[in-house]
N, C-alpha and C. Protein backbone atom coordinates (compact mmCIF):
# COMPACT_ATOMS: atom_id res chain seq x y z
N UNK A 1 1.11 -1.34 -0.02
CA UNK A 1 -0.05 0.30 0.00
C UNK A 1 0.93 1.28 -0.06
N UNK A 2 0.49 2.06 -0.91
CA UNK A 2 1.33 3.69 -0.66
C UNK A 2 0.20 4.48 -0.41
N UNK A 3 0.69 5.70 0.38
CA UNK A 3 -0.29 6.87 1.08
C UNK A 3 0.38 8.02 0.21
N UNK A 4 -0.02 8.84 -0.42
CA UNK A 4 0.14 10.07 -1.12
C UNK A 4 -0.30 11.02 -0.56
N UNK A 5 0.18 12.09 -0.20
CA UNK A 5 -0.12 13.34 0.36
C UNK A 5 0.63 14.47 -0.61
N UNK A 6 -0.65 15.41 -1.22
CA UNK A 6 -0.03 16.35 -1.59
C UNK A 6 0.01 17.72 -0.83
N UNK A 7 0.39 18.94 -1.10
CA UNK A 7 0.43 20.06 -0.44
C UNK A 7 1.47 21.12 -1.80
N UNK A 8 1.00 22.51 -1.17
CA UNK A 8 1.17 23.78 -2.28
C UNK A 8 0.33 24.20 -2.68
N UNK A 9 -1.09 23.65 -3.04
CA UNK A 9 -1.89 24.08 -3.53
C UNK A 9 -2.61 25.90 -3.06
N UNK A 10 -3.28 26.45 -4.03
CA UNK A 10 -3.85 28.06 -3.36
C UNK A 10 -4.16 28.63 -4.35
N UNK A 11 -4.44 29.95 -4.04
CA UNK A 11 -4.70 30.96 -4.89
C UNK A 11 -3.64 31.63 -5.71
N UNK A 12 -3.41 32.09 -6.84
CA UNK A 12 -2.60 32.72 -7.39
C UNK A 12 -3.41 33.81 -8.49
N UNK A 13 -2.31 34.74 -8.81
CA UNK A 13 -2.83 35.56 -9.77
C UNK A 13 -2.13 35.25 -11.48
N UNK A 14 -2.97 35.49 -12.27
CA UNK A 14 -2.35 34.97 -13.48
C UNK A 14 -1.08 35.35 -14.01
N UNK A 15 -0.17 34.79 -14.32
CA UNK A 15 1.21 34.96 -14.59
C UNK A 15 2.27 34.30 -13.25
N UNK A 16 1.59 34.12 -12.11
CA UNK A 16 2.28 33.62 -11.07
C UNK A 16 2.79 31.80 -11.15
N UNK A 17 3.36 31.66 -9.70
CA UNK A 17 3.84 30.55 -9.86
C UNK A 17 3.31 29.65 -8.59
N UNK A 18 3.57 28.47 -8.44
CA UNK A 18 3.42 27.83 -7.48
C UNK A 18 4.07 26.41 -7.33
N UNK A 19 4.49 25.73 -6.74
CA UNK A 19 5.46 24.40 -6.34
C UNK A 19 4.25 23.76 -5.47
N UNK A 20 3.85 22.45 -6.32
CA UNK A 20 3.44 21.31 -5.52
C UNK A 20 4.02 20.23 -5.17
N UNK A 21 4.03 19.77 -3.84
CA UNK A 21 4.72 18.71 -3.40
C UNK A 21 3.68 17.42 -3.34
N UNK A 22 4.54 16.32 -3.50
CA UNK A 22 3.81 15.16 -3.20
C UNK A 22 4.48 14.04 -2.57
N UNK A 23 4.40 13.74 -0.77
CA UNK A 23 5.16 12.80 -0.20
C UNK A 23 4.28 11.21 -0.49
N UNK A 24 5.20 10.54 -0.86
CA UNK A 24 4.50 8.89 -0.53
C UNK A 24 5.23 8.29 0.55
N UNK A 25 4.71 7.44 0.97
CA UNK A 25 5.07 6.66 2.19
C UNK A 25 4.40 5.35 2.25
N UNK A 26 4.84 4.29 2.73
CA UNK A 26 4.50 2.88 2.78
C UNK A 26 5.45 2.08 1.59
N UNK A 27 4.69 1.17 0.79
CA UNK A 27 5.30 0.58 0.09
C UNK A 27 6.12 1.11 -1.23
N UNK A 28 7.10 2.16 -1.26
CA UNK A 28 7.80 3.10 -2.22
C UNK A 28 8.68 2.34 -2.84
N UNK A 29 9.09 1.02 -2.60
CA UNK A 29 9.87 0.35 -3.06
C UNK A 29 9.11 -0.02 -4.68
N UNK A 30 7.70 -0.18 -4.49
CA UNK A 30 6.99 -0.65 -5.76
C UNK A 30 6.60 0.43 -7.03
N UNK A 31 7.22 1.37 -6.39
CA UNK A 31 6.78 2.64 -7.54
C UNK A 31 7.83 2.86 -8.53
N UNK A 32 7.06 2.87 -9.71
CA UNK A 32 7.94 3.03 -10.89
C UNK A 32 7.42 4.29 -11.67
N UNK A 33 6.75 5.21 -11.08
CA UNK A 33 6.55 6.57 -12.13
C UNK A 33 5.54 7.16 -11.04
N UNK A 34 5.56 8.46 -11.06
CA UNK A 34 4.92 9.40 -10.27
C UNK A 34 4.49 10.45 -10.87
N UNK A 35 3.60 10.94 -10.87
CA UNK A 35 2.96 12.14 -11.91
C UNK A 35 2.11 12.80 -11.12
N UNK A 36 1.54 13.77 -11.63
CA UNK A 36 0.46 14.87 -11.42
C UNK A 36 -0.57 14.84 -12.14
N UNK A 37 -2.05 14.58 -12.00
CA UNK A 37 -3.01 15.07 -12.82
C UNK A 37 -4.22 15.90 -12.40
N UNK A 38 -4.85 16.44 -12.85
CA UNK A 38 -5.85 17.58 -13.08
C UNK A 38 -7.17 17.56 -12.98
N UNK A 39 -7.71 17.68 -12.29
CA UNK A 39 -9.34 17.88 -12.91
C UNK A 39 -10.17 19.23 -12.59
N UNK A 40 -10.29 19.70 -13.32
CA UNK A 40 -11.36 21.01 -13.44
C UNK A 40 -12.75 20.87 -13.34
N UNK A 41 -13.62 21.41 -12.71
CA UNK A 41 -14.81 21.55 -12.88
C UNK A 41 -15.24 20.97 -14.25
N UNK A 42 -16.42 20.08 -14.08
CA UNK A 42 -17.20 19.81 -14.95
C UNK A 42 -16.27 19.05 -16.54
N UNK A 43 -14.80 18.52 -16.10
CA UNK A 43 -14.12 18.32 -17.09
C UNK A 43 -13.31 16.74 -16.37
N UNK A 44 -13.17 16.09 -17.53
CA UNK A 44 -12.64 14.78 -16.94
C UNK A 44 -10.82 14.88 -16.18
N UNK A 45 -10.62 14.11 -15.53
CA UNK A 45 -9.20 14.10 -14.87
C UNK A 45 -8.60 13.89 -16.21
N UNK A 46 -7.26 14.83 -16.20
CA UNK A 46 -6.37 14.50 -17.12
C UNK A 46 -4.75 14.41 -17.00
N UNK A 47 -3.82 13.81 -17.52
CA UNK A 47 -2.64 14.02 -17.20
C UNK A 47 -1.61 15.40 -17.41
N UNK A 48 -1.00 15.52 -16.12
CA UNK A 48 -0.49 17.01 -16.43
C UNK A 48 1.22 16.59 -16.71
N UNK A 49 1.62 15.59 -15.76
CA UNK A 49 3.05 15.66 -16.28
C UNK A 49 3.78 14.12 -15.46
N UNK A 50 4.40 13.09 -15.74
CA UNK A 50 4.67 12.04 -15.05
C UNK A 50 6.36 11.91 -15.24
N UNK A 51 7.15 11.29 -14.27
CA UNK A 51 8.45 11.36 -13.87
C UNK A 51 8.45 9.91 -13.74
N UNK A 52 9.30 8.95 -14.64
CA UNK A 52 9.74 7.67 -14.16
C UNK A 52 10.57 7.55 -12.97
N UNK A 53 10.53 6.05 -12.45
CA UNK A 53 11.96 6.10 -11.66
C UNK A 53 13.46 6.37 -12.07
N UNK A 54 13.34 6.48 -13.61
CA UNK A 54 14.67 6.71 -14.09
C UNK A 54 14.78 7.91 -14.53
N UNK A 55 13.77 8.79 -14.29
CA UNK A 55 13.94 10.18 -14.31
C UNK A 55 13.51 10.95 -15.61
N UNK A 56 12.85 9.56 -16.47
CA UNK A 56 12.33 10.38 -17.52
C UNK A 56 10.67 10.62 -17.56
N UNK A 57 10.67 12.12 -17.95
CA UNK A 57 9.43 13.22 -17.62
C UNK A 57 8.34 12.98 -19.16
N UNK A 58 7.24 13.19 -18.93
CA UNK A 58 6.44 13.52 -20.23
C UNK A 58 5.63 14.54 -19.92
N UNK A 59 5.14 15.36 -20.38
CA UNK A 59 3.95 16.56 -20.27
C UNK A 59 2.78 16.90 -21.24
N UNK A 60 1.74 17.21 -20.56
CA UNK A 60 0.95 17.49 -21.25
C UNK A 60 1.11 18.57 -22.26
N UNK A 61 0.62 18.77 -23.62
CA UNK A 61 1.22 19.90 -24.56
C UNK A 61 0.74 21.26 -23.42
N UNK A 62 -0.44 21.17 -23.07
CA UNK A 62 -0.96 22.42 -22.44
C UNK A 62 0.18 23.49 -21.49
N UNK A 63 0.84 22.51 -20.93
CA UNK A 63 1.98 22.66 -19.88
C UNK A 63 3.12 22.93 -20.05
N UNK A 64 3.43 22.32 -21.32
CA UNK A 64 5.00 22.18 -21.98
C UNK A 64 5.49 23.54 -21.71
N UNK A 65 6.99 23.92 -21.26
CA UNK A 65 7.58 25.10 -21.04
C UNK A 65 7.16 25.82 -19.79
N UNK A 66 6.02 25.73 -19.30
CA UNK A 66 5.68 26.15 -17.95
C UNK A 66 5.72 25.32 -16.51
N UNK A 67 5.44 24.01 -16.63
CA UNK A 67 5.57 23.06 -15.75
C UNK A 67 6.61 22.31 -15.71
N UNK A 68 7.32 21.99 -14.70
CA UNK A 68 8.56 21.01 -14.64
C UNK A 68 8.13 20.25 -13.38
N UNK A 69 8.59 18.78 -13.64
CA UNK A 69 8.12 17.89 -12.57
C UNK A 69 9.67 17.30 -12.35
N UNK A 70 9.62 16.94 -10.77
CA UNK A 70 11.00 16.76 -10.39
C UNK A 70 10.92 15.82 -9.38
N UNK A 71 12.18 15.27 -8.88
CA UNK A 71 11.88 14.32 -7.67
C UNK A 71 12.96 14.14 -7.14
N UNK A 72 12.83 14.11 -5.77
CA UNK A 72 14.48 14.39 -4.64
C UNK A 72 14.51 13.08 -4.32
N UNK A 73 13.90 12.15 -4.38
CA UNK A 73 14.12 10.84 -3.91
C UNK A 73 12.99 9.55 -4.04
N UNK A 74 12.84 9.04 -3.40
CA UNK A 74 12.12 7.90 -3.96
C UNK A 74 10.63 8.27 -3.31
N UNK A 75 10.48 9.16 -2.10
CA UNK A 75 9.33 9.22 -1.87
C UNK A 75 8.88 10.88 -2.08
N UNK A 76 9.47 11.95 -2.63
CA UNK A 76 8.74 13.02 -2.70
C UNK A 76 8.97 13.41 -4.52
N UNK A 77 7.72 13.80 -4.89
CA UNK A 77 7.83 14.26 -6.36
C UNK A 77 7.65 15.81 -6.14
N UNK A 78 7.77 16.80 -6.81
CA UNK A 78 7.34 18.03 -6.97
C UNK A 78 6.93 18.60 -8.32
N UNK A 79 6.27 19.52 -8.54
CA UNK A 79 6.29 20.15 -9.91
C UNK A 79 5.81 21.79 -9.81
N UNK A 80 6.98 22.52 -10.16
CA UNK A 80 6.85 23.63 -10.08
C UNK A 80 5.92 24.44 -11.35
N UNK A 81 4.96 25.25 -11.22
CA UNK A 81 4.28 25.47 -12.20
C UNK A 81 4.45 27.16 -12.32
N UNK A 82 4.87 27.68 -13.35
CA UNK A 82 4.96 28.69 -13.52
C UNK A 82 4.24 29.63 -14.67
N UNK A 83 4.21 30.81 -15.16
CA UNK A 83 3.37 31.38 -15.98
C UNK A 83 1.80 30.70 -15.83
N UNK A 84 1.31 30.56 -14.47
CA UNK A 84 -0.10 29.99 -14.58
C UNK A 84 -1.24 30.75 -15.09
N UNK A 85 -2.14 30.04 -15.71
CA UNK A 85 -3.07 30.70 -16.41
C UNK A 85 -4.70 30.51 -15.89
N UNK A 86 -5.57 31.32 -15.70
CA UNK A 86 -6.86 30.73 -15.17
C UNK A 86 -7.25 29.31 -15.50
N UNK A 87 -6.69 29.04 -16.87
CA UNK A 87 -7.26 27.73 -17.12
C UNK A 87 -6.52 26.63 -16.45
N UNK A 88 -5.64 26.61 -15.83
CA UNK A 88 -4.86 25.72 -15.00
C UNK A 88 -5.72 25.56 -14.01
N UNK A 89 -6.76 26.42 -13.62
CA UNK A 89 -7.55 25.90 -11.96
C UNK A 89 -8.16 24.61 -12.49
N UNK A 90 -7.58 24.16 -11.12
CA UNK A 90 -8.02 22.56 -10.83
C UNK A 90 -7.77 22.22 -9.68
N UNK A 91 -8.26 20.87 -9.30
CA UNK A 91 -7.74 20.13 -8.54
C UNK A 91 -6.61 18.98 -8.79
N UNK A 92 -5.52 19.36 -8.33
CA UNK A 92 -4.35 18.80 -8.62
C UNK A 92 -4.04 17.16 -7.74
N UNK A 93 -4.17 16.31 -8.40
CA UNK A 93 -3.86 14.96 -7.62
C UNK A 93 -2.29 14.44 -8.11
N UNK A 94 -2.10 13.79 -7.22
CA UNK A 94 -0.53 13.04 -7.10
C UNK A 94 -1.17 11.43 -7.71
N UNK A 95 -0.02 10.85 -8.35
CA UNK A 95 -0.18 9.52 -8.54
C UNK A 95 0.78 8.91 -8.90
N UNK A 96 0.69 7.62 -8.36
CA UNK A 96 1.73 6.86 -8.17
C UNK A 96 1.62 5.40 -8.81
N UNK A 97 2.23 4.94 -9.61
CA UNK A 97 2.18 3.43 -10.10
C UNK A 97 3.26 2.44 -9.28
N UNK A 98 2.44 1.46 -8.93
CA UNK A 98 3.30 0.69 -8.35
C UNK A 98 2.95 -0.98 -8.62
N UNK A 99 2.43 -1.70 -7.63
CA UNK A 99 1.62 -2.93 -7.93
C UNK A 99 0.01 -2.51 -8.44
N UNK A 100 -0.42 -1.39 -7.95
CA UNK A 100 -1.57 -0.80 -8.48
C UNK A 100 -1.42 0.76 -8.96
N UNK A 101 -2.44 1.23 -9.24
CA UNK A 101 -2.36 2.78 -9.19
C UNK A 101 -2.60 3.72 -7.66
N UNK A 102 -2.25 4.23 -7.09
CA UNK A 102 -2.18 4.99 -6.12
C UNK A 102 -2.68 6.53 -6.42
N UNK A 103 -3.42 7.11 -5.37
CA UNK A 103 -4.22 8.53 -5.64
C UNK A 103 -3.88 9.54 -4.20
N UNK A 104 -3.52 10.39 -4.63
CA UNK A 104 -3.62 11.28 -3.29
C UNK A 104 -4.87 12.14 -3.11
N UNK A 105 -5.39 12.81 -2.46
CA UNK A 105 -6.90 13.29 -1.93
C UNK A 105 -6.46 14.72 -2.81
N UNK A 106 -5.97 15.21 -3.05
CA UNK A 106 -5.68 16.68 -4.73
C UNK A 106 -5.47 17.66 -3.30
N UNK A 107 -5.23 18.35 -4.21
CA UNK A 107 -4.95 20.05 -3.79
C UNK A 107 -5.14 21.22 -4.27
N UNK A 108 -6.18 21.65 -4.41
CA UNK A 108 -6.78 22.91 -5.34
C UNK A 108 -5.66 24.16 -5.51
N UNK A 109 -5.96 24.48 -6.81
CA UNK A 109 -4.97 24.97 -7.41
C UNK A 109 -6.36 26.42 -8.15
N UNK A 110 -6.13 27.66 -8.01
CA UNK A 110 -6.92 28.57 -8.28
C UNK A 110 -6.05 29.81 -8.83
N UNK A 111 -6.31 29.89 -10.29
CA UNK A 111 -5.54 31.15 -10.85
C UNK A 111 -6.80 32.34 -11.42
N UNK A 112 -6.43 33.15 -10.99
CA UNK A 112 -7.42 34.29 -10.71
C UNK A 112 -6.70 35.32 -12.23
N UNK A 113 -7.76 35.76 -12.46
CA UNK A 113 -7.46 36.72 -13.85
C UNK A 113 -7.18 37.92 -13.83
């Protein structure tokens, strides 16, 4: 079992920055990749960025050049979000792929225009 706890969400003006963090605990040895998804009101959950245990990253086209995913150990993953836009407003969820897919409870990011 893996538990994920997100932090770092909040309210920011358009053009601003936020840094999300996700701390994993439990059976972290089983994790092969971690990522961030988001779900805006009335929309489906979508992949934002992912990083593998080998450090390979992938981003949604909508955030390329603005968001950066990173990890400092097997337990913590970050996402630096710059040049935020109102359309980035969503609940952001941390995800870990291991024996199964694990999810955090989410953190709200609100970008005002």
